[in-house]
Amino acid sequence: VEGKIHNAQALLPLREGILSRIAARATEDRFTPQRIVHDVRAVMPAEGILALDNGMYKIWFARNYRTRMANTLLLDNALATMGAGLPSAMMAALP
């Protein structure tokens, strides 16, 4: 964001605080959305592709799932079409 947002450095403490809170909730005993995203990330290989359908859970994954490679988190964000996850996964599985 350097050069694109005026005074971007001022946003870094806010970002660190948000990431810290997400990390703290990611290991709670109860199943918080952060915990579920954390657990999925823990078992997915770096090159594994996650294809999501629509629903509230998609927001948690879009915000909190850290990809390790480009194009490994697929979600339909334009028209929020229900049922987009299955065809996305099928296409991702093609050689």
PDB file of N, CA and C in Angstrom:
ATOM      1  N   VAL A   1       0.811  -1.201   0.000  1.00  0.00           N
ATOM      2  CA  VAL A   1       0.000   0.000   0.000  1.00  0.00           C
ATOM      3  C   VAL A   1       0.853   1.263   0.000  1.00  0.00           C
ATOM      4  N   GLU A   2       2.161   1.066   0.141  1.00  0.00           N
ATOM      5  CA  GLU A   2       3.041   2.234   0.091  1.00  0.00           C
ATOM      6  C   GLU A   2       2.889   2.937  -1.241  1.00  0.00           C
ATOM      7  N   GLY A   3       2.745   4.226  -1.209  1.00  0.00           N
ATOM      8  CA  GLY A   3       2.598   5.006  -2.418  1.00  0.00           C
ATOM      9  C   GLY A   3       1.185   5.037  -2.960  1.00  0.00           C
ATOM     10  N   LYS A   4       0.313   4.191  -2.444  1.00  0.00           N
ATOM     11  CA  LYS A   4      -1.072   4.154  -2.912  1.00  0.00           C
ATOM     12  C   LYS A   4      -2.023   4.764  -1.894  1.00  0.00           C
ATOM     13  N   ILE A   5      -1.676   4.650  -0.638  1.00  0.00           N
ATOM     14  CA  ILE A   5      -2.504   5.216   0.427  1.00  0.00           C
ATOM     15  C   ILE A   5      -1.656   6.218   1.191  1.00  0.00           C
ATOM     16  N   HIS A   6      -2.169   7.424   1.299  1.00  0.00           N
ATOM     17  CA  HIS A   6      -1.453   8.461   2.033  1.00  0.00           C
ATOM     18  C   HIS A   6      -1.259   8.009   3.482  1.00  0.00           C
ATOM     19  N   ASN A   7      -0.044   8.106   3.973  1.00  0.00           N
ATOM     20  CA  ASN A   7       0.290   7.753   5.354  1.00  0.00           C
ATOM     21  C   ASN A   7      -0.060   6.289   5.671  1.00  0.00           C
ATOM     22  N   ALA A   8       0.285   5.380   4.778  1.00  0.00           N
ATOM     23  CA  ALA A   8      -0.036   3.965   4.946  1.00  0.00           C
ATOM     24  C   ALA A   8       0.597   3.377   6.202  1.00  0.00           C
ATOM     25  N   GLN A   9       1.738   3.875   6.604  1.00  0.00           N
ATOM     26  CA  GLN A   9       2.410   3.359   7.806  1.00  0.00           C
ATOM     27  C   GLN A   9       1.534   3.493   9.046  1.00  0.00           C
ATOM     28  N   ALA A  10       0.661   4.483   9.062  1.00  0.00           N
ATOM     29  CA  ALA A  10      -0.218   4.678  10.217  1.00  0.00           C
ATOM     30  C   ALA A  10      -1.224   3.536  10.359  1.00  0.00           C
ATOM     31  N   LEU A  11      -1.476   2.801   9.284  1.00  0.00           N
ATOM     32  CA  LEU A  11      -2.432   1.695   9.322  1.00  0.00           C
ATOM     33  C   LEU A  11      -1.824   0.395   9.842  1.00  0.00           C
ATOM     34  N   LEU A  12      -0.503   0.304   9.855  1.00  0.00           N
ATOM     35  CA  LEU A  12       0.144  -0.947  10.268  1.00  0.00           C
ATOM     36  C   LEU A  12      -0.197  -1.373  11.693  1.00  0.00           C
ATOM     37  N   PRO A  13      -0.196  -0.467  12.689  1.00  0.00           N
ATOM     38  CA  PRO A  13      -0.587  -0.911  14.037  1.00  0.00           C
ATOM     39  C   PRO A  13      -2.019  -1.450  14.087  1.00  0.00           C
ATOM     40  N   LEU A  14      -2.915  -0.849  13.336  1.00  0.00           N
ATOM     41  CA  LEU A  14      -4.292  -1.341  13.280  1.00  0.00           C
ATOM     42  C   LEU A  14      -4.326  -2.746  12.683  1.00  0.00           C
ATOM     43  N   ARG A  15      -3.608  -2.947  11.593  1.00  0.00           N
ATOM     44  CA  ARG A  15      -3.552  -4.265  10.950  1.00  0.00           C
ATOM     45  C   ARG A  15      -2.970  -5.304  11.897  1.00  0.00           C
ATOM     46  N   GLU A  16      -1.890  -4.956  12.577  1.00  0.00           N
ATOM     47  CA  GLU A  16      -1.270  -5.895  13.519  1.00  0.00           C
ATOM     48  C   GLU A  16      -2.227  -6.255  14.649  1.00  0.00           C
ATOM     49  N   GLY A  17      -2.985  -5.280  15.134  1.00  0.00           N
ATOM     50  CA  GLY A  17      -3.963  -5.543  16.187  1.00  0.00           C
ATOM     51  C   GLY A  17      -5.053  -6.496  15.726  1.00  0.00           C
ATOM     52  N   ILE A  18      -5.535  -6.291  14.513  1.00  0.00           N
ATOM     53  CA  ILE A  18      -6.572  -7.169  13.961  1.00  0.00           C
ATOM     54  C   ILE A  18      -6.035  -8.585  13.789  1.00  0.00           C
ATOM     55  N   LEU A  19      -4.846  -8.721  13.208  1.00  0.00           N
ATOM     56  CA  LEU A  19      -4.259 -10.051  13.015  1.00  0.00           C
ATOM     57  C   LEU A  19      -3.984 -10.741  14.344  1.00  0.00           C
ATOM     58  N   SER A  20      -3.590  -9.975  15.349  1.00  0.00           N
ATOM     59  CA  SER A  20      -3.336 -10.532  16.678  1.00  0.00           C
ATOM     60  C   SER A  20      -4.623 -11.074  17.298  1.00  0.00           C
ATOM     61  N   ARG A  21      -5.701 -10.329  17.163  1.00  0.00           N
ATOM     62  CA  ARG A  21      -6.989 -10.778  17.721  1.00  0.00           C
ATOM     63  C   ARG A  21      -7.484 -12.031  16.986  1.00  0.00           C
ATOM     64  N   ILE A  22      -7.336 -12.056  15.682  1.00  0.00           N
ATOM     65  CA  ILE A  22      -7.737 -13.239  14.914  1.00  0.00           C
ATOM     66  C   ILE A  22      -6.916 -14.449  15.357  1.00  0.00           C
ATOM     67  N   ALA A  23      -5.613 -14.258  15.516  1.00  0.00           N
ATOM     68  CA  ALA A  23      -4.734 -15.357  15.937  1.00  0.00           C
ATOM     69  C   ALA A  23      -5.106 -15.853  17.325  1.00  0.00           C
ATOM     70  N   ALA A  24      -5.457 -14.952  18.224  1.00  0.00           N
ATOM     71  CA  ALA A  24      -5.826 -15.344  19.585  1.00  0.00           C
ATOM     72  C   ALA A  24      -7.099 -16.186  19.585  1.00  0.00           C
ATOM     73  N   ARG A  25      -8.052 -15.847  18.757  1.00  0.00           N
ATOM     74  CA  ARG A  25      -9.315 -16.582  18.716  1.00  0.00           C
ATOM     75  C   ARG A  25      -9.205 -17.858  17.890  1.00  0.00           C
ATOM     76  N   ALA A  26      -8.141 -17.985  17.107  1.00  0.00           N
ATOM     77  CA  ALA A  26      -7.991 -19.138  16.215  1.00  0.00           C
ATOM     78  C   ALA A  26      -7.678 -20.420  16.964  1.00  0.00           C
ATOM     79  N   THR A  27      -7.270 -20.320  18.207  1.00  0.00           N
ATOM     80  CA  THR A  27      -6.909 -21.520  18.958  1.00  0.00           C
ATOM     81  C   THR A  27      -7.805 -21.729  20.177  1.00  0.00           C
ATOM     82  N   GLU A  28      -8.945 -21.067  20.225  1.00  0.00           N
ATOM     83  CA  GLU A  28      -9.875 -21.260  21.336  1.00  0.00           C
ATOM     84  C   GLU A  28     -10.438 -22.680  21.311  1.00  0.00           C
ATOM     85  N   ASP A  29     -10.875 -23.152  22.465  1.00  0.00           N
ATOM     86  CA  ASP A  29     -11.441 -24.496  22.555  1.00  0.00           C
ATOM     87  C   ASP A  29     -12.764 -24.622  21.806  1.00  0.00           C
ATOM     88  N   ARG A  30     -13.580 -23.586  21.851  1.00  0.00           N
ATOM     89  CA  ARG A  30     -14.863 -23.663  21.142  1.00  0.00           C
ATOM     90  C   ARG A  30     -14.653 -23.347  19.664  1.00  0.00           C
ATOM     91  N   PHE A  31     -15.604 -23.714  18.861  1.00  0.00           N
ATOM     92  CA  PHE A  31     -15.451 -23.549  17.410  1.00  0.00           C
ATOM     93  C   PHE A  31     -15.902 -22.167  16.963  1.00  0.00           C
ATOM     94  N   THR A  32     -14.993 -21.218  17.043  1.00  0.00           N
ATOM     95  CA  THR A  32     -15.248 -19.889  16.502  1.00  0.00           C
ATOM     96  C   THR A  32     -14.969 -19.933  15.000  1.00  0.00           C
ATOM     97  N   PRO A  33     -15.496 -18.989  14.233  1.00  0.00           N
ATOM     98  CA  PRO A  33     -15.160 -18.957  12.807  1.00  0.00           C
ATOM     99  C   PRO A  33     -13.650 -18.874  12.579  1.00  0.00           C
ATOM    100  N   GLN A  34     -12.963 -18.108  13.421  1.00  0.00           N
ATOM    101  CA  GLN A  34     -11.512 -17.994  13.288  1.00  0.00           C
ATOM    102  C   GLN A  34     -10.842 -19.344  13.505  1.00  0.00           C
ATOM    103  N   ARG A  35     -11.346 -20.111  14.439  1.00  0.00           N
ATOM    104  CA  ARG A  35     -10.784 -21.437  14.731  1.00  0.00           C
ATOM    105  C   ARG A  35     -10.966 -22.368  13.541  1.00  0.00           C
ATOM    106  N   ILE A  36     -12.140 -22.347  12.935  1.00  0.00           N
ATOM    107  CA  ILE A  36     -12.400 -23.219  11.792  1.00  0.00           C
ATOM    108  C   ILE A  36     -11.480 -22.870  10.631  1.00  0.00           C
ATOM    109  N   VAL A  37     -11.329 -21.574  10.340  1.00  0.00           N
ATOM    110  CA  VAL A  37     -10.423 -21.152   9.265  1.00  0.00           C
ATOM    111  C   VAL A  37      -8.999 -21.589   9.589  1.00  0.00           C
ATOM    112  N   HIS A  38      -8.579 -21.398  10.826  1.00  0.00           N
ATOM    113  CA  HIS A  38      -7.235 -21.790  11.261  1.00  0.00           C
ATOM    114  C   HIS A  38      -7.015 -23.288  11.074  1.00  0.00           C
ATOM    115  N   ASP A  39      -7.996 -24.093  11.494  1.00  0.00           N
ATOM    116  CA  ASP A  39      -7.856 -25.542  11.402  1.00  0.00           C
ATOM    117  C   ASP A  39      -7.827 -26.021   9.949  1.00  0.00           C
ATOM    118  N   VAL A  40      -8.634 -25.405   9.095  1.00  0.00           N
ATOM    119  CA  VAL A  40      -8.605 -25.765   7.672  1.00  0.00           C
ATOM    120  C   VAL A  40      -7.246 -25.417   7.080  1.00  0.00           C
ATOM    121  N   ARG A  41      -6.729 -24.233   7.408  1.00  0.00           N
ATOM    122  CA  ARG A  41      -5.416 -23.824   6.883  1.00  0.00           C
ATOM    123  C   ARG A  41      -4.336 -24.791   7.353  1.00  0.00           C
ATOM    124  N   ALA A  42      -4.459 -25.272   8.580  1.00  0.00           N
ATOM    125  CA  ALA A  42      -3.445 -26.164   9.146  1.00  0.00           C
ATOM    126  C   ALA A  42      -3.366 -27.502   8.410  1.00  0.00           C
ATOM    127  N   VAL A  43      -4.477 -27.984   7.873  1.00  0.00           N
ATOM    128  CA  VAL A  43      -4.464 -29.291   7.210  1.00  0.00           C
ATOM    129  C   VAL A  43      -4.345 -29.201   5.689  1.00  0.00           C
ATOM    130  N   MET A  44      -4.508 -28.017   5.138  1.00  0.00           N
ATOM    131  CA  MET A  44      -4.398 -27.857   3.682  1.00  0.00           C
ATOM    132  C   MET A  44      -2.939 -27.740   3.277  1.00  0.00           C
ATOM    133  N   PRO A  45      -2.524 -28.473   2.244  1.00  0.00           N
ATOM    134  CA  PRO A  45      -1.154 -28.284   1.751  1.00  0.00           C
ATOM    135  C   PRO A  45      -1.019 -26.906   1.105  1.00  0.00           C
ATOM    136  N   ALA A  46       0.203 -26.433   0.987  1.00  0.00           N
ATOM    137  CA  ALA A  46       0.448 -25.094   0.430  1.00  0.00           C
ATOM    138  C   ALA A  46      -0.166 -24.942  -0.947  1.00  0.00           C
ATOM    139  N   GLU A  47      -0.110 -26.001  -1.765  1.00  0.00           N
ATOM    140  CA  GLU A  47      -0.641 -25.918  -3.125  1.00  0.00           C
ATOM    141  C   GLU A  47      -2.099 -26.373  -3.214  1.00  0.00           C
ATOM    142  N   GLY A  48      -2.700 -26.736  -2.077  1.00  0.00           N
ATOM    143  CA  GLY A  48      -4.096 -27.168  -2.063  1.00  0.00           C
ATOM    144  C   GLY A  48      -5.031 -26.028  -2.435  1.00  0.00           C
ATOM    145  N   ILE A  49      -6.069 -26.348  -3.184  1.00  0.00           N
ATOM    146  CA  ILE A  49      -7.023 -25.338  -3.639  1.00  0.00           C
ATOM    147  C   ILE A  49      -8.320 -25.488  -2.856  1.00  0.00           C
ATOM    148  N   LEU A  50      -8.772 -24.395  -2.287  1.00  0.00           N
ATOM    149  CA  LEU A  50     -10.010 -24.356  -1.527  1.00  0.00           C
ATOM    150  C   LEU A  50     -11.047 -23.612  -2.356  1.00  0.00           C
ATOM    151  N   ALA A  51     -12.131 -24.284  -2.727  1.00  0.00           N
ATOM    152  CA  ALA A  51     -13.210 -23.679  -3.514  1.00  0.00           C
ATOM    153  C   ALA A  51     -14.422 -23.516  -2.605  1.00  0.00           C
ATOM    154  N   LEU A  52     -14.903 -22.301  -2.472  1.00  0.00           N
ATOM    155  CA  LEU A  52     -15.991 -22.002  -1.546  1.00  0.00           C
ATOM    156  C   LEU A  52     -17.288 -21.700  -2.275  1.00  0.00           C
ATOM    157  N   ASP A  53     -18.377 -22.082  -1.653  1.00  0.00           N
ATOM    158  CA  ASP A  53     -19.689 -21.671  -2.106  1.00  0.00           C
ATOM    159  C   ASP A  53     -20.022 -20.369  -1.370  1.00  0.00           C
ATOM    160  N   ASN A  54     -21.252 -19.942  -1.400  1.00  0.00           N
ATOM    161  CA  ASN A  54     -21.612 -18.692  -0.743  1.00  0.00           C
ATOM    162  C   ASN A  54     -22.293 -18.937   0.583  1.00  0.00           C
ATOM    163  N   GLY A  55     -22.194 -17.957   1.443  1.00  0.00           N
ATOM    164  CA  GLY A  55     -22.756 -18.008   2.776  1.00  0.00           C
ATOM    165  C   GLY A  55     -21.892 -17.170   3.703  1.00  0.00           C
ATOM    166  N   MET A  56     -22.317 -17.047   4.938  1.00  0.00           N
ATOM    167  CA  MET A  56     -21.579 -16.212   5.893  1.00  0.00           C
ATOM    168  C   MET A  56     -20.151 -16.705   6.127  1.00  0.00           C
ATOM    169  N   TYR A  57     -19.955 -18.011   6.073  1.00  0.00           N
ATOM    170  CA  TYR A  57     -18.613 -18.542   6.314  1.00  0.00           C
ATOM    171  C   TYR A  57     -17.605 -18.013   5.294  1.00  0.00           C
ATOM    172  N   LYS A  58     -18.081 -17.708   4.088  1.00  0.00           N
ATOM    173  CA  LYS A  58     -17.186 -17.223   3.031  1.00  0.00           C
ATOM    174  C   LYS A  58     -16.493 -15.934   3.458  1.00  0.00           C
ATOM    175  N   ILE A  59     -17.198 -15.097   4.200  1.00  0.00           N
ATOM    176  CA  ILE A  59     -16.613 -13.837   4.663  1.00  0.00           C
ATOM    177  C   ILE A  59     -15.425 -14.121   5.577  1.00  0.00           C
ATOM    178  N   TRP A  60     -15.575 -15.102   6.477  1.00  0.00           N
ATOM    179  CA  TRP A  60     -14.478 -15.432   7.392  1.00  0.00           C
ATOM    180  C   TRP A  60     -13.271 -15.968   6.633  1.00  0.00           C
ATOM    181  N   PHE A  61     -13.507 -16.811   5.645  1.00  0.00           N
ATOM    182  CA  PHE A  61     -12.392 -17.337   4.856  1.00  0.00           C
ATOM    183  C   PHE A  61     -11.751 -16.242   4.019  1.00  0.00           C
ATOM    184  N   ALA A  62     -12.548 -15.393   3.402  1.00  0.00           N
ATOM    185  CA  ALA A  62     -12.005 -14.318   2.567  1.00  0.00           C
ATOM    186  C   ALA A  62     -11.123 -13.376   3.380  1.00  0.00           C
ATOM    187  N   ARG A  63     -11.474 -13.156   4.629  1.00  0.00           N
ATOM    188  CA  ARG A  63     -10.714 -12.235   5.477  1.00  0.00           C
ATOM    189  C   ARG A  63      -9.536 -12.886   6.181  1.00  0.00           C
ATOM    190  N   ASN A  64      -9.667 -14.149   6.544  1.00  0.00           N
ATOM    191  CA  ASN A  64      -8.704 -14.755   7.464  1.00  0.00           C
ATOM    192  C   ASN A  64      -7.856 -15.887   6.904  1.00  0.00           C
ATOM    193  N   TYR A  65      -8.227 -16.462   5.790  1.00  0.00           N
ATOM    194  CA  TYR A  65      -7.473 -17.584   5.236  1.00  0.00           C
ATOM    195  C   TYR A  65      -6.272 -17.040   4.481  1.00  0.00           C
ATOM    196  N   ARG A  66      -5.085 -17.362   4.941  1.00  0.00           N
ATOM    197  CA  ARG A  66      -3.858 -16.874   4.314  1.00  0.00           C
ATOM    198  C   ARG A  66      -3.372 -17.895   3.298  1.00  0.00           C
ATOM    199  N   THR A  67      -3.410 -17.519   2.035  1.00  0.00           N
ATOM    200  CA  THR A  67      -2.936 -18.420   0.988  1.00  0.00           C
ATOM    201  C   THR A  67      -1.413 -18.397   0.949  1.00  0.00           C
ATOM    202  N   ARG A  68      -0.851 -19.482   0.487  1.00  0.00           N
ATOM    203  CA  ARG A  68       0.607 -19.574   0.343  1.00  0.00           C
ATOM    204  C   ARG A  68       1.020 -19.517  -1.119  1.00  0.00           C
ATOM    205  N   MET A  69       0.034 -19.706  -1.999  1.00  0.00           N
ATOM    206  CA  MET A  69       0.265 -19.621  -3.442  1.00  0.00           C
ATOM    207  C   MET A  69      -0.926 -18.893  -4.059  1.00  0.00           C
ATOM    208  N   ALA A  70      -0.672 -18.201  -5.158  1.00  0.00           N
ATOM    209  CA  ALA A  70      -1.748 -17.485  -5.848  1.00  0.00           C
ATOM    210  C   ALA A  70      -2.804 -18.458  -6.368  1.00  0.00           C
ATOM    211  N   ASN A  71      -4.032 -18.008  -6.386  1.00  0.00           N
ATOM    212  CA  ASN A  71      -5.169 -18.754  -6.951  1.00  0.00           C
ATOM    213  C   ASN A  71      -5.450 -20.074  -6.246  1.00  0.00           C
ATOM    214  N   THR A  72      -5.231 -20.130  -4.941  1.00  0.00           N
ATOM    215  CA  THR A  72      -5.549 -21.341  -4.190  1.00  0.00           C
ATOM    216  C   THR A  72      -6.754 -21.145  -3.271  1.00  0.00           C
ATOM    217  N   LEU A  73      -7.371 -19.982  -3.306  1.00  0.00           N
ATOM    218  CA  LEU A  73      -8.636 -19.736  -2.609  1.00  0.00           C
ATOM    219  C   LEU A  73      -9.606 -19.203  -3.656  1.00  0.00           C
ATOM    220  N   LEU A  74     -10.569 -20.032  -4.033  1.00  0.00           N
ATOM    221  CA  LEU A  74     -11.515 -19.667  -5.083  1.00  0.00           C
ATOM    222  C   LEU A  74     -12.874 -19.375  -4.467  1.00  0.00           C
ATOM    223  N   LEU A  75     -13.388 -18.179  -4.723  1.00  0.00           N
ATOM    224  CA  LEU A  75     -14.722 -17.836  -4.252  1.00  0.00           C
ATOM    225  C   LEU A  75     -15.393 -16.912  -5.250  1.00  0.00           C
ATOM    226  N   ASP A  76     -16.698 -17.082  -5.381  1.00  0.00           N
ATOM    227  CA  ASP A  76     -17.479 -16.248  -6.286  1.00  0.00           C
ATOM    228  C   ASP A  76     -17.909 -15.015  -5.502  1.00  0.00           C
ATOM    229  N   ASN A  77     -17.318 -13.898  -5.835  1.00  0.00           N
ATOM    230  CA  ASN A  77     -17.590 -12.696  -5.061  1.00  0.00           C
ATOM    231  C   ASN A  77     -18.382 -11.660  -5.840  1.00  0.00           C
ATOM    232  N   ALA A  78     -18.683 -11.915  -7.088  1.00  0.00           N
ATOM    233  CA  ALA A  78     -19.340 -10.895  -7.900  1.00  0.00           C
ATOM    234  C   ALA A  78     -20.850 -10.867  -7.668  1.00  0.00           C
ATOM    235  N   LEU A  79     -21.529 -11.926  -8.007  1.00  0.00           N
ATOM    236  CA  LEU A  79     -22.985 -11.952  -7.904  1.00  0.00           C
ATOM    237  C   LEU A  79     -23.480 -12.837  -6.765  1.00  0.00           C
ATOM    238  N   ALA A  80     -22.559 -13.372  -5.983  1.00  0.00           N
ATOM    239  CA  ALA A  80     -22.900 -14.253  -4.862  1.00  0.00           C
ATOM    240  C   ALA A  80     -23.810 -15.397  -5.317  1.00  0.00           C
ATOM    241  N   THR A  81     -23.458 -15.990  -6.424  1.00  0.00           N
ATOM    242  CA  THR A  81     -24.239 -17.080  -6.993  1.00  0.00           C
ATOM    243  C   THR A  81     -24.158 -18.314  -6.100  1.00  0.00           C
ATOM    244  N   MET A  82     -25.297 -18.840  -5.704  1.00  0.00           N
ATOM    245  CA  MET A  82     -25.310 -20.063  -4.911  1.00  0.00           C
ATOM    246  C   MET A  82     -24.908 -21.237  -5.805  1.00  0.00           C
ATOM    247  N   GLY A  83     -24.132 -22.138  -5.253  1.00  0.00           N
ATOM    248  CA  GLY A  83     -23.729 -23.320  -5.992  1.00  0.00           C
ATOM    249  C   GLY A  83     -22.467 -23.155  -6.812  1.00  0.00           C
ATOM    250  N   ALA A  84     -21.745 -22.063  -6.639  1.00  0.00           N
ATOM    251  CA  ALA A  84     -20.535 -21.831  -7.431  1.00  0.00           C
ATOM    252  C   ALA A  84     -19.351 -22.665  -6.948  1.00  0.00           C
ATOM    253  N   GLY A  85     -19.392 -23.148  -5.717  1.00  0.00           N
ATOM    254  CA  GLY A  85     -18.263 -23.886  -5.163  1.00  0.00           C
ATOM    255  C   GLY A  85     -17.967 -25.190  -5.878  1.00  0.00           C
ATOM    256  N   LEU A  86     -18.998 -25.956  -6.194  1.00  0.00           N
ATOM    257  CA  LEU A  86     -18.793 -27.254  -6.847  1.00  0.00           C
ATOM    258  C   LEU A  86     -18.179 -27.109  -8.238  1.00  0.00           C
ATOM    259  N   PRO A  87     -18.734 -26.282  -9.131  1.00  0.00           N
ATOM    260  CA  PRO A  87     -18.077 -26.156 -10.433  1.00  0.00           C
ATOM    261  C   PRO A  87     -16.683 -25.544 -10.335  1.00  0.00           C
ATOM    262  N   SER A  88     -16.461 -24.675  -9.366  1.00  0.00           N
ATOM    263  CA  SER A  88     -15.114 -24.121  -9.172  1.00  0.00           C
ATOM    264  C   SER A  88     -14.137 -25.226  -8.801  1.00  0.00           C
ATOM    265  N   ALA A  89     -14.556 -26.107  -7.893  1.00  0.00           N
ATOM    266  CA  ALA A  89     -13.699 -27.221  -7.480  1.00  0.00           C
ATOM    267  C   ALA A  89     -13.451 -28.182  -8.638  1.00  0.00           C
ATOM    268  N   MET A  90     -14.479 -28.434  -9.439  1.00  0.00           N
ATOM    269  CA  MET A  90     -14.322 -29.340 -10.578  1.00  0.00           C
ATOM    270  C   MET A  90     -13.325 -28.779 -11.588  1.00  0.00           C
ATOM    271  N   MET A  91     -13.419 -27.508 -11.877  1.00  0.00           N
ATOM    272  CA  MET A  91     -12.493 -26.890 -12.832  1.00  0.00           C
ATOM    273  C   MET A  91     -11.072 -26.855 -12.270  1.00  0.00           C
ATOM    274  N   ALA A  92     -10.945 -26.603 -10.974  1.00  0.00           N
ATOM    275  CA  ALA A  92      -9.618 -26.563 -10.356  1.00  0.00           C
ATOM    276  C   ALA A  92      -8.950 -27.933 -10.390  1.00  0.00           C
ATOM    277  N   ALA A  93      -9.754 -29.001 -10.396  1.00  0.00           N
ATOM    278  CA  ALA A  93      -9.207 -30.358 -10.392  1.00  0.00           C
ATOM    279  C   ALA A  93      -8.773 -30.829 -11.777  1.00  0.00           C
ATOM    280  N   LEU A  94      -9.167 -30.111 -12.816  1.00  0.00           N
ATOM    281  CA  LEU A  94      -8.768 -30.521 -14.164  1.00  0.00           C
ATOM    282  C   LEU A  94      -7.271 -30.315 -14.367  1.00  0.00           C
ATOM    283  N   PRO A  95      -6.636 -31.219 -15.133  1.00  0.00           N
ATOM    284  CA  PRO A  95      -5.185 -31.071 -15.357  1.00  0.00           C
ATOM    285  C   PRO A  95      -4.865 -29.891 -16.256  1.00  0.00           C
TER     286      PRO A  95
END
